[in-house]
Amino acid sequence: MKTPVGSRVGAISHSDHDTVYMFGFGVYEGDFVPSDEAGGFNLGIPNPRIRLDSGKVVYGCECWWMPEYQVKQLIVTRNVVLADIDQVRRRSRS
């Protein structure tokens, strides 16, 4: 089932057995060609765009994303560490 535009979602950088590294929660805005800030991930192909509650934008090609309730079910017994999409992008360019 396709996630409706405007839905609350969570964006995950990566995880391991004990910890989920999250970019945060936000709103799915639809599919857009990633901006240049997405760096090496920008192939000119429309991707889900998520506007995080922090105001930052992350694209589907940069994360694992799913409805907010599913993310909360995933993290219920794990530690959560907030990841900064800007730092991840800088590291991927190095």
PDB file of N, CA and C in Angstrom:
ATOM      1  N   MET A   1       0.835  -1.182   0.000  1.00  0.00           N
ATOM      2  CA  MET A   1       0.000   0.000   0.000  1.00  0.00           C
ATOM      3  C   MET A   1       0.883   1.250   0.000  1.00  0.00           C
ATOM      4  N   LYS A   2       0.601   2.167  -0.871  1.00  0.00           N
ATOM      5  CA  LYS A   2       1.377   3.400  -0.985  1.00  0.00           C
ATOM      6  C   LYS A   2       1.047   4.333   0.177  1.00  0.00           C
ATOM      7  N   THR A   3       2.084   4.943   0.706  1.00  0.00           N
ATOM      8  CA  THR A   3       1.912   5.893   1.804  1.00  0.00           C
ATOM      9  C   THR A   3       1.314   7.187   1.243  1.00  0.00           C
ATOM     10  N   PRO A   4       0.191   7.642   1.797  1.00  0.00           N
ATOM     11  CA  PRO A   4      -0.415   8.879   1.306  1.00  0.00           C
ATOM     12  C   PRO A   4       0.439  10.111   1.620  1.00  0.00           C
ATOM     13  N   VAL A   5       0.468  11.055   0.680  1.00  0.00           N
ATOM     14  CA  VAL A   5       1.151  12.319   0.904  1.00  0.00           C
ATOM     15  C   VAL A   5       0.539  12.966   2.151  1.00  0.00           C
ATOM     16  N   GLY A   6       1.407  13.520   2.993  1.00  0.00           N
ATOM     17  CA  GLY A   6       0.955  14.142   4.230  1.00  0.00           C
ATOM     18  C   GLY A   6       0.992  13.217   5.431  1.00  0.00           C
ATOM     19  N   SER A   7       1.336  11.944   5.210  1.00  0.00           N
ATOM     20  CA  SER A   7       1.392  10.973   6.310  1.00  0.00           C
ATOM     21  C   SER A   7       2.597  11.209   7.197  1.00  0.00           C
ATOM     22  N   ARG A   8       2.437  10.929   8.484  1.00  0.00           N
ATOM     23  CA  ARG A   8       3.545  10.964   9.426  1.00  0.00           C
ATOM     24  C   ARG A   8       4.397   9.720   9.204  1.00  0.00           C
ATOM     25  N   VAL A   9       5.708   9.937   9.092  1.00  0.00           N
ATOM     26  CA  VAL A   9       6.653   8.843   8.857  1.00  0.00           C
ATOM     27  C   VAL A   9       7.896   9.036   9.727  1.00  0.00           C
ATOM     28  N   GLY A  10       8.700   7.989   9.805  1.00  0.00           N
ATOM     29  CA  GLY A  10       9.990   8.064  10.456  1.00  0.00           C
ATOM     30  C   GLY A  10      11.070   7.725   9.447  1.00  0.00           C
ATOM     31  N   ALA A  11      12.227   8.359   9.586  1.00  0.00           N
ATOM     32  CA  ALA A  11      13.354   8.140   8.678  1.00  0.00           C
ATOM     33  C   ALA A  11      14.537   7.608   9.480  1.00  0.00           C
ATOM     34  N   ILE A  12      15.011   6.427   9.092  1.00  0.00           N
ATOM     35  CA  ILE A  12      16.082   5.744   9.810  1.00  0.00           C
ATOM     36  C   ILE A  12      17.339   5.726   8.958  1.00  0.00           C
ATOM     37  N   SER A  13      18.454   6.099   9.554  1.00  0.00           N
ATOM     38  CA  SER A  13      19.740   6.024   8.877  1.00  0.00           C
ATOM     39  C   SER A  13      20.192   4.572   8.789  1.00  0.00           C
ATOM     40  N   HIS A  14      20.292   3.917   9.948  1.00  0.00           N
ATOM     41  CA  HIS A  14      20.680   2.515  10.013  1.00  0.00           C
ATOM     42  C   HIS A  14      20.385   2.008  11.414  1.00  0.00           C
ATOM     43  N   SER A  15      20.568   0.719  11.621  1.00  0.00           N
ATOM     44  CA  SER A  15      20.318   0.152  12.938  1.00  0.00           C
ATOM     45  C   SER A  15      21.186  -1.076  13.137  1.00  0.00           C
ATOM     46  N   ASP A  16      21.290  -1.471  14.392  1.00  0.00           N
ATOM     47  CA  ASP A  16      21.914  -2.739  14.731  1.00  0.00           C
ATOM     48  C   ASP A  16      21.018  -3.411  15.768  1.00  0.00           C
ATOM     49  N   HIS A  17      21.500  -4.454  16.379  1.00  0.00           N
ATOM     50  CA  HIS A  17      20.667  -5.223  17.302  1.00  0.00           C
ATOM     51  C   HIS A  17      20.126  -4.374  18.448  1.00  0.00           C
ATOM     52  N   ASP A  18      20.907  -3.448  18.957  1.00  0.00           N
ATOM     53  CA  ASP A  18      20.543  -2.675  20.144  1.00  0.00           C
ATOM     54  C   ASP A  18      20.128  -1.232  19.883  1.00  0.00           C
ATOM     55  N   THR A  19      20.492  -0.676  18.724  1.00  0.00           N
ATOM     56  CA  THR A  19      20.336   0.763  18.512  1.00  0.00           C
ATOM     57  C   THR A  19      19.751   1.067  17.135  1.00  0.00           C
ATOM     58  N   VAL A  20      18.870   2.059  17.111  1.00  0.00           N
ATOM     59  CA  VAL A  20      18.324   2.584  15.856  1.00  0.00           C
ATOM     60  C   VAL A  20      18.833   4.017  15.725  1.00  0.00           C
ATOM     61  N   TYR A  21      19.512   4.295  14.625  1.00  0.00           N
ATOM     62  CA  TYR A  21      20.046   5.627  14.327  1.00  0.00           C
ATOM     63  C   TYR A  21      19.040   6.310  13.406  1.00  0.00           C
ATOM     64  N   MET A  22      18.351   7.303  13.945  1.00  0.00           N
ATOM     65  CA  MET A  22      17.240   7.932  13.229  1.00  0.00           C
ATOM     66  C   MET A  22      17.558   9.359  12.810  1.00  0.00           C
ATOM     67  N   PHE A  23      17.055   9.720  11.636  1.00  0.00           N
ATOM     68  CA  PHE A  23      17.078  11.126  11.233  1.00  0.00           C
ATOM     69  C   PHE A  23      15.930  11.854  11.923  1.00  0.00           C
ATOM     70  N   GLY A  24      14.870  11.137  12.228  1.00  0.00           N
ATOM     71  CA  GLY A  24      13.753  11.717  12.958  1.00  0.00           C
ATOM     72  C   GLY A  24      12.419  11.356  12.343  1.00  0.00           C
ATOM     73  N   PHE A  25      11.390  11.996  12.877  1.00  0.00           N
ATOM     74  CA  PHE A  25      10.029  11.837  12.369  1.00  0.00           C
ATOM     75  C   PHE A  25       9.676  13.066  11.559  1.00  0.00           C
ATOM     76  N   GLY A  26       8.721  12.898  10.656  1.00  0.00           N
ATOM     77  CA  GLY A  26       8.301  14.015   9.836  1.00  0.00           C
ATOM     78  C   GLY A  26       7.120  13.653   8.968  1.00  0.00           C
ATOM     79  N   VAL A  27       6.996  14.340   7.837  1.00  0.00           N
ATOM     80  CA  VAL A  27       5.859  14.182   6.941  1.00  0.00           C
ATOM     81  C   VAL A  27       6.345  13.799   5.538  1.00  0.00           C
ATOM     82  N   TYR A  28       5.723  12.774   4.970  1.00  0.00           N
ATOM     83  CA  TYR A  28       5.992  12.378   3.587  1.00  0.00           C
ATOM     84  C   TYR A  28       5.324  13.403   2.672  1.00  0.00           C
ATOM     85  N   GLU A  29       6.136  14.084   1.838  1.00  0.00           N
ATOM     86  CA  GLU A  29       5.623  15.152   0.981  1.00  0.00           C
ATOM     87  C   GLU A  29       5.334  14.708  -0.456  1.00  0.00           C
ATOM     88  N   GLY A  30       5.623  13.475  -0.794  1.00  0.00           N
ATOM     89  CA  GLY A  30       5.452  12.997  -2.158  1.00  0.00           C
ATOM     90  C   GLY A  30       6.804  12.657  -2.756  1.00  0.00           C
ATOM     91  N   ASP A  31       6.828  12.322  -4.039  1.00  0.00           N
ATOM     92  CA  ASP A  31       8.072  11.951  -4.708  1.00  0.00           C
ATOM     93  C   ASP A  31       8.602  13.121  -5.533  1.00  0.00           C
ATOM     94  N   PHE A  32       9.885  13.420  -5.328  1.00  0.00           N
ATOM     95  CA  PHE A  32      10.551  14.534  -6.004  1.00  0.00           C
ATOM     96  C   PHE A  32      11.965  14.102  -6.376  1.00  0.00           C
ATOM     97  N   VAL A  33      12.527  14.725  -7.409  1.00  0.00           N
ATOM     98  CA  VAL A  33      13.939  14.505  -7.724  1.00  0.00           C
ATOM     99  C   VAL A  33      14.741  15.125  -6.594  1.00  0.00           C
ATOM    100  N   PRO A  34      15.652  14.367  -5.990  1.00  0.00           N
ATOM    101  CA  PRO A  34      16.436  14.912  -4.866  1.00  0.00           C
ATOM    102  C   PRO A  34      17.204  16.169  -5.267  1.00  0.00           C
ATOM    103  N   SER A  35      17.301  17.075  -4.317  1.00  0.00           N
ATOM    104  CA  SER A  35      18.065  18.300  -4.541  1.00  0.00           C
ATOM    105  C   SER A  35      19.555  17.966  -4.575  1.00  0.00           C
ATOM    106  N   ASP A  36      20.347  18.916  -4.993  1.00  0.00           N
ATOM    107  CA  ASP A  36      21.794  18.702  -5.068  1.00  0.00           C
ATOM    108  C   ASP A  36      22.403  18.374  -3.709  1.00  0.00           C
ATOM    109  N   GLU A  37      21.766  18.822  -2.627  1.00  0.00           N
ATOM    110  CA  GLU A  37      22.302  18.531  -1.296  1.00  0.00           C
ATOM    111  C   GLU A  37      22.325  17.037  -1.004  1.00  0.00           C
ATOM    112  N   ALA A  38      21.527  16.257  -1.714  1.00  0.00           N
ATOM    113  CA  ALA A  38      21.525  14.812  -1.508  1.00  0.00           C
ATOM    114  C   ALA A  38      22.810  14.178  -2.041  1.00  0.00           C
ATOM    115  N   GLY A  39      23.634  14.972  -2.674  1.00  0.00           N
ATOM    116  CA  GLY A  39      24.961  14.520  -3.082  1.00  0.00           C
ATOM    117  C   GLY A  39      24.941  13.367  -4.059  1.00  0.00           C
ATOM    118  N   GLY A  40      25.753  12.356  -3.771  1.00  0.00           N
ATOM    119  CA  GLY A  40      25.918  11.209  -4.656  1.00  0.00           C
ATOM    120  C   GLY A  40      24.667  10.380  -4.826  1.00  0.00           C
ATOM    121  N   PHE A  41      23.650  10.666  -4.016  1.00  0.00           N
ATOM    122  CA  PHE A  41      22.403   9.903  -4.120  1.00  0.00           C
ATOM    123  C   PHE A  41      21.500  10.446  -5.214  1.00  0.00           C
ATOM    124  N   ASN A  42      21.810  11.614  -5.767  1.00  0.00           N
ATOM    125  CA  ASN A  42      20.948  12.261  -6.744  1.00  0.00           C
ATOM    126  C   ASN A  42      21.222  11.700  -8.134  1.00  0.00           C
ATOM    127  N   LEU A  43      20.308  10.838  -8.593  1.00  0.00           N
ATOM    128  CA  LEU A  43      20.433  10.244  -9.924  1.00  0.00           C
ATOM    129  C   LEU A  43      19.372  10.792 -10.872  1.00  0.00           C
ATOM    130  N   GLY A  44      18.663  11.838 -10.433  1.00  0.00           N
ATOM    131  CA  GLY A  44      17.623  12.418 -11.264  1.00  0.00           C
ATOM    132  C   GLY A  44      16.328  11.635 -11.264  1.00  0.00           C
ATOM    133  N   ILE A  45      16.188  10.686 -10.359  1.00  0.00           N
ATOM    134  CA  ILE A  45      14.995   9.838 -10.271  1.00  0.00           C
ATOM    135  C   ILE A  45      14.156  10.312  -9.087  1.00  0.00           C
ATOM    136  N   PRO A  46      12.857  10.532  -9.283  1.00  0.00           N
ATOM    137  CA  PRO A  46      12.024  10.951  -8.154  1.00  0.00           C
ATOM    138  C   PRO A  46      12.113   9.962  -6.993  1.00  0.00           C
ATOM    139  N   ASN A  47      12.199  10.503  -5.798  1.00  0.00           N
ATOM    140  CA  ASN A  47      12.314   9.740  -4.557  1.00  0.00           C
ATOM    141  C   ASN A  47      11.366  10.328  -3.530  1.00  0.00           C
ATOM    142  N   PRO A  48      10.940   9.518  -2.564  1.00  0.00           N
ATOM    143  CA  PRO A  48      10.136  10.082  -1.486  1.00  0.00           C
ATOM    144  C   PRO A  48      10.898  11.207  -0.790  1.00  0.00           C
ATOM    145  N   ARG A  49      10.197  12.303  -0.530  1.00  0.00           N
ATOM    146  CA  ARG A  49      10.805  13.417   0.198  1.00  0.00           C
ATOM    147  C   ARG A  49      10.108  13.530   1.549  1.00  0.00           C
ATOM    148  N   ILE A  50      10.928  13.536   2.595  1.00  0.00           N
ATOM    149  CA  ILE A  50      10.412  13.602   3.953  1.00  0.00           C
ATOM    150  C   ILE A  50      10.899  14.894   4.589  1.00  0.00           C
ATOM    151  N   ARG A  51       9.957  15.710   5.021  1.00  0.00           N
ATOM    152  CA  ARG A  51      10.296  16.928   5.751  1.00  0.00           C
ATOM    153  C   ARG A  51      10.239  16.573   7.229  1.00  0.00           C
ATOM    154  N   LEU A  52      11.427  16.531   7.841  1.00  0.00           N
ATOM    155  CA  LEU A  52      11.535  16.163   9.239  1.00  0.00           C
ATOM    156  C   LEU A  52      10.970  17.261  10.135  1.00  0.00           C
ATOM    157  N   ASP A  53      10.590  16.888  11.340  1.00  0.00           N
ATOM    158  CA  ASP A  53      10.085  17.871  12.300  1.00  0.00           C
ATOM    159  C   ASP A  53      11.117  18.957  12.581  1.00  0.00           C
ATOM    160  N   SER A  54      12.384  18.641  12.385  1.00  0.00           N
ATOM    161  CA  SER A  54      13.460  19.627  12.575  1.00  0.00           C
ATOM    162  C   SER A  54      13.483  20.671  11.459  1.00  0.00           C
ATOM    163  N   GLY A  55      12.739  20.428  10.370  1.00  0.00           N
ATOM    164  CA  GLY A  55      12.735  21.328   9.223  1.00  0.00           C
ATOM    165  C   GLY A  55      13.645  20.855   8.104  1.00  0.00           C
ATOM    166  N   LYS A  56      14.544  19.912   8.409  1.00  0.00           N
ATOM    167  CA  LYS A  56      15.449  19.380   7.376  1.00  0.00           C
ATOM    168  C   LYS A  56      14.688  18.415   6.475  1.00  0.00           C
ATOM    169  N   VAL A  57      15.250  18.187   5.290  1.00  0.00           N
ATOM    170  CA  VAL A  57      14.656  17.270   4.321  1.00  0.00           C
ATOM    171  C   VAL A  57      15.590  16.098   4.115  1.00  0.00           C
ATOM    172  N   VAL A  58      15.020  14.901   4.080  1.00  0.00           N
ATOM    173  CA  VAL A  58      15.764  13.694   3.751  1.00  0.00           C
ATOM    174  C   VAL A  58      14.974  12.970   2.659  1.00  0.00           C
ATOM    175  N   TYR A  59      15.685  12.346   1.751  1.00  0.00           N
ATOM    176  CA  TYR A  59      15.050  11.635   0.633  1.00  0.00           C
ATOM    177  C   TYR A  59      15.081  10.129   0.874  1.00  0.00           C
ATOM    178  N   GLY A  60      14.142   9.442   0.253  1.00  0.00           N
ATOM    179  CA  GLY A  60      14.037   7.994   0.409  1.00  0.00           C
ATOM    180  C   GLY A  60      15.308   7.254   0.043  1.00  0.00           C
ATOM    181  N   CYS A  61      16.091   7.794  -0.878  1.00  0.00           N
ATOM    182  CA  CYS A  61      17.339   7.147  -1.282  1.00  0.00           C
ATOM    183  C   CYS A  61      18.426   7.290  -0.222  1.00  0.00           C
ATOM    184  N   GLU A  62      18.151   8.089   0.827  1.00  0.00           N
ATOM    185  CA  GLU A  62      19.138   8.313   1.879  1.00  0.00           C
ATOM    186  C   GLU A  62      18.788   7.594   3.184  1.00  0.00           C
ATOM    187  N   CYS A  63      17.662   6.916   3.219  1.00  0.00           N
ATOM    188  CA  CYS A  63      17.216   6.344   4.487  1.00  0.00           C
ATOM    189  C   CYS A  63      16.266   5.172   4.263  1.00  0.00           C
ATOM    190  N   TRP A  64      15.954   4.516   5.365  1.00  0.00           N
ATOM    191  CA  TRP A  64      14.835   3.582   5.422  1.00  0.00           C
ATOM    192  C   TRP A  64      13.707   4.388   6.031  1.00  0.00           C
ATOM    193  N   TRP A  65      12.538   4.358   5.460  1.00  0.00           N
ATOM    194  CA  TRP A  65      11.435   5.133   6.003  1.00  0.00           C
ATOM    195  C   TRP A  65      10.160   4.312   5.975  1.00  0.00           C
ATOM    196  N   MET A  66       9.285   4.616   6.908  1.00  0.00           N
ATOM    197  CA  MET A  66       8.012   3.907   7.016  1.00  0.00           C
ATOM    198  C   MET A  66       7.073   4.732   7.879  1.00  0.00           C
ATOM    199  N   PRO A  67       5.787   4.363   7.917  1.00  0.00           N
ATOM    200  CA  PRO A  67       4.863   5.109   8.762  1.00  0.00           C
ATOM    201  C   PRO A  67       5.359   5.192  10.207  1.00  0.00           C
ATOM    202  N   GLU A  68       5.045   6.310  10.849  1.00  0.00           N
ATOM    203  CA  GLU A  68       5.525   6.585  12.196  1.00  0.00           C
ATOM    204  C   GLU A  68       5.211   5.454  13.170  1.00  0.00           C
ATOM    205  N   TYR A  69       3.994   4.909  13.118  1.00  0.00           N
ATOM    206  CA  TYR A  69       3.635   3.855  14.066  1.00  0.00           C
ATOM    207  C   TYR A  69       4.508   2.619  13.896  1.00  0.00           C
ATOM    208  N   GLN A  70       4.916   2.315  12.664  1.00  0.00           N
ATOM    209  CA  GLN A  70       5.786   1.160  12.432  1.00  0.00           C
ATOM    210  C   GLN A  70       7.185   1.404  12.984  1.00  0.00           C
ATOM    211  N   VAL A  71       7.689   2.624  12.844  1.00  0.00           N
ATOM    212  CA  VAL A  71       8.998   2.950  13.405  1.00  0.00           C
ATOM    213  C   VAL A  71       8.948   2.818  14.923  1.00  0.00           C
ATOM    214  N   LYS A  72       7.886   3.318  15.525  1.00  0.00           N
ATOM    215  CA  LYS A  72       7.762   3.222  16.981  1.00  0.00           C
ATOM    216  C   LYS A  72       7.712   1.770  17.442  1.00  0.00           C
ATOM    217  N   GLN A  73       7.075   0.893  16.664  1.00  0.00           N
ATOM    218  CA  GLN A  73       7.059  -0.538  16.992  1.00  0.00           C
ATOM    219  C   GLN A  73       8.458  -1.131  16.878  1.00  0.00           C
ATOM    220  N   LEU A  74       9.226  -0.666  15.916  1.00  0.00           N
ATOM    221  CA  LEU A  74      10.588  -1.164  15.690  1.00  0.00           C
ATOM    222  C   LEU A  74      11.534  -0.755  16.817  1.00  0.00           C
ATOM    223  N   ILE A  75      11.365   0.440  17.346  1.00  0.00           N
ATOM    224  CA  ILE A  75      12.330   0.958  18.318  1.00  0.00           C
ATOM    225  C   ILE A  75      11.931   0.699  19.769  1.00  0.00           C
ATOM    226  N   VAL A  76      10.817   0.060  19.998  1.00  0.00           N
ATOM    227  CA  VAL A  76      10.273  -0.056  21.349  1.00  0.00           C
ATOM    228  C   VAL A  76      11.284  -0.577  22.378  1.00  0.00           C
ATOM    229  N   THR A  77      12.138  -1.506  22.022  1.00  0.00           N
ATOM    230  CA  THR A  77      13.098  -2.073  22.980  1.00  0.00           C
ATOM    231  C   THR A  77      14.541  -1.694  22.663  1.00  0.00           C
ATOM    232  N   ARG A  78      14.742  -0.779  21.756  1.00  0.00           N
ATOM    233  CA  ARG A  78      16.100  -0.399  21.349  1.00  0.00           C
ATOM    234  C   ARG A  78      16.431   1.024  21.790  1.00  0.00           C
ATOM    235  N   ASN A  79      17.705   1.297  21.862  1.00  0.00           N
ATOM    236  CA  ASN A  79      18.169   2.663  22.082  1.00  0.00           C
ATOM    237  C   ASN A  79      17.980   3.442  20.789  1.00  0.00           C
ATOM    238  N   VAL A  80      17.710   4.724  20.911  1.00  0.00           N
ATOM    239  CA  VAL A  80      17.556   5.584  19.741  1.00  0.00           C
ATOM    240  C   VAL A  80      18.628   6.662  19.801  1.00  0.00           C
ATOM    241  N   VAL A  81      19.353   6.804  18.702  1.00  0.00           N
ATOM    242  CA  VAL A  81      20.359   7.855  18.567  1.00  0.00           C
ATOM    243  C   VAL A  81      19.950   8.696  17.366  1.00  0.00           C
ATOM    244  N   LEU A  82      19.853  10.005  17.580  1.00  0.00           N
ATOM    245  CA  LEU A  82      19.511  10.883  16.462  1.00  0.00           C
ATOM    246  C   LEU A  82      20.737  11.108  15.585  1.00  0.00           C
ATOM    247  N   ALA A  83      20.556  10.902  14.296  1.00  0.00           N
ATOM    248  CA  ALA A  83      21.605  11.134  13.304  1.00  0.00           C
ATOM    249  C   ALA A  83      21.262  12.427  12.568  1.00  0.00           C
ATOM    250  N   ASP A  84      22.271  13.171  12.194  1.00  0.00           N
ATOM    251  CA  ASP A  84      22.086  14.430  11.480  1.00  0.00           C
ATOM    252  C   ASP A  84      22.336  14.196   9.996  1.00  0.00           C
ATOM    253  N   ILE A  85      21.319  14.424   9.178  1.00  0.00           N
ATOM    254  CA  ILE A  85      21.453  14.176   7.742  1.00  0.00           C
ATOM    255  C   ILE A  85      22.564  15.018   7.128  1.00  0.00           C
ATOM    256  N   ASP A  86      22.786  16.230   7.632  1.00  0.00           N
ATOM    257  CA  ASP A  86      23.855  17.060   7.082  1.00  0.00           C
ATOM    258  C   ASP A  86      25.224  16.433   7.332  1.00  0.00           C
ATOM    259  N   GLN A  87      25.443  15.890   8.508  1.00  0.00           N
ATOM    260  CA  GLN A  87      26.721  15.228   8.813  1.00  0.00           C
ATOM    261  C   GLN A  87      26.894  13.972   7.976  1.00  0.00           C
ATOM    262  N   VAL A  88      25.835  13.214   7.806  1.00  0.00           N
ATOM    263  CA  VAL A  88      25.915  11.996   6.980  1.00  0.00           C
ATOM    264  C   VAL A  88      26.265  12.368   5.548  1.00  0.00           C
ATOM    265  N   ARG A  89      25.659  13.409   5.028  1.00  0.00           N
ATOM    266  CA  ARG A  89      25.951  13.845   3.663  1.00  0.00           C
ATOM    267  C   ARG A  89      27.403  14.300   3.523  1.00  0.00           C
ATOM    268  N   ARG A  90      27.903  15.033   4.512  1.00  0.00           N
ATOM    269  CA  ARG A  90      29.301  15.480   4.460  1.00  0.00           C
ATOM    270  C   ARG A  90      30.237  14.270   4.455  1.00  0.00           C
ATOM    271  N   ARG A  91      29.965  13.291   5.299  1.00  0.00           N
ATOM    272  CA  ARG A  91      30.826  12.086   5.353  1.00  0.00           C
ATOM    273  C   ARG A  91      30.775  11.311   4.047  1.00  0.00           C
ATOM    274  N   SER A  92      29.610  11.261   3.416  1.00  0.00           N
ATOM    275  CA  SER A  92      29.514  10.497   2.170  1.00  0.00           C
ATOM    276  C   SER A  92      30.278  11.158   1.035  1.00  0.00           C
ATOM    277  N   ARG A  93      30.518  12.458   1.136  1.00  0.00           N
ATOM    278  CA  ARG A  93      31.282  13.176   0.107  1.00  0.00           C
ATOM    279  C   ARG A  93      32.786  13.066   0.313  1.00  0.00           C
ATOM    280  N   SER A  94      33.211  12.656   1.512  1.00  0.00           N
ATOM    281  CA  SER A  94      34.646  12.576   1.814  1.00  0.00           C
ATOM    282  C   SER A  94      35.264  11.334   1.235  1.00  0.00           C
TER     283      SER A  94
END
